[in-house]
Amino acid sequence: MTITDTHLDPDLFRQGFDDANTRLNAFPPAWARHHASTIMAAARDSDDDRPSYTRGYRAALYGYLRHSAV
């Protein structure tokens, strides 16, 4: 079963996801975890003009935190 979000721009989502991974990979692991957890804990910006990008970025951060070693 495929669930399609008609409001999601897949290209912007992918760009956000890739940008987050690039940024996380540039940090030492402890810094990457700190960056990811800080961004995930922050409230979303209500004036976000690129929500698909933001969702992709946050998805990568969530995945990083979920699968990184503690």
Protein backbone atom coordinates (compact mmCIF):
# COMPACT_ATOMS: atom_id res chain seq x y z
CA MET A 1 0.00 0.00 0.00
CA THR A 2 1.30 3.44 -0.94
CA ILE A 3 0.20 6.54 0.91
CA THR A 4 0.64 9.69 -1.12
CA ASP A 5 0.81 13.12 0.45
CA THR A 6 -0.38 15.50 -2.24
CA HIS A 7 1.20 18.45 -0.40
CA LEU A 8 4.68 16.89 -0.42
CA ASP A 9 7.14 17.94 -3.10
CA PRO A 10 9.34 14.84 -3.47
CA ASP A 11 12.26 16.80 -4.94
CA LEU A 12 12.37 19.27 -2.05
CA PHE A 13 11.94 16.42 0.45
CA ARG A 14 14.94 14.60 -1.09
CA GLN A 15 17.00 17.79 -1.09
CA GLY A 16 16.27 18.38 2.61
CA PHE A 17 17.04 14.74 3.41
CA ASP A 18 20.33 14.85 1.50
CA ASP A 19 21.35 18.22 3.01
CA ALA A 20 20.75 16.91 6.53
CA ASN A 21 22.82 13.79 5.88
CA THR A 22 25.63 15.85 4.38
CA ARG A 23 25.64 18.11 7.42
CA LEU A 24 25.49 15.23 9.91
CA ASN A 25 28.35 13.44 8.17
CA ALA A 26 30.51 16.56 8.46
CA PHE A 27 30.27 16.47 12.27
CA PRO A 28 31.91 14.13 14.75
CA PRO A 29 29.25 11.64 16.01
CA ALA A 30 28.60 13.44 19.31
CA TRP A 31 28.10 16.77 17.56
CA ALA A 32 25.86 15.17 14.95
CA ARG A 33 23.65 13.68 17.68
CA HIS A 34 23.54 17.05 19.45
CA HIS A 35 22.60 18.88 16.23
CA ALA A 36 19.92 16.34 15.36
CA SER A 37 18.38 16.28 18.83
CA THR A 38 18.43 20.09 19.13
CA ILE A 39 16.69 20.60 15.80
CA MET A 40 14.15 17.86 16.50
CA ALA A 41 13.33 19.37 19.92
CA ALA A 42 12.74 22.84 18.48
CA ALA A 43 9.24 23.87 17.49
CA ARG A 44 8.56 24.00 13.79
CA ASP A 45 8.48 27.43 12.19
CA SER A 46 4.88 28.35 11.39
CA ASP A 47 6.10 30.50 8.47
CA ASP A 48 8.02 27.66 6.84
CA ASP A 49 7.99 28.45 3.12
CA ARG A 50 9.43 25.05 2.15
CA PRO A 51 7.64 22.46 4.32
CA SER A 52 8.65 19.56 2.06
CA TYR A 53 12.34 20.46 2.47
CA THR A 54 11.88 20.76 6.23
CA ARG A 55 10.12 17.41 6.43
CA GLY A 56 12.97 15.77 4.51
CA TYR A 57 15.59 17.41 6.73
CA ARG A 58 13.77 16.34 9.89
CA ALA A 59 13.24 12.82 8.52
CA ALA A 60 16.99 12.42 8.09
CA LEU A 61 17.62 13.75 11.60
CA TYR A 62 15.04 11.37 13.06
CA GLY A 63 16.60 8.44 11.21
CA TYR A 64 20.05 9.42 12.39
CA LEU A 65 18.95 9.60 16.02
CA ARG A 66 16.96 6.39 15.75
CA HIS A 67 19.85 4.40 14.31
CA SER A 68 22.93 6.02 15.85
CA ALA A 69 24.80 4.35 18.64
CA VAL A 70 24.28 5.92 22.04
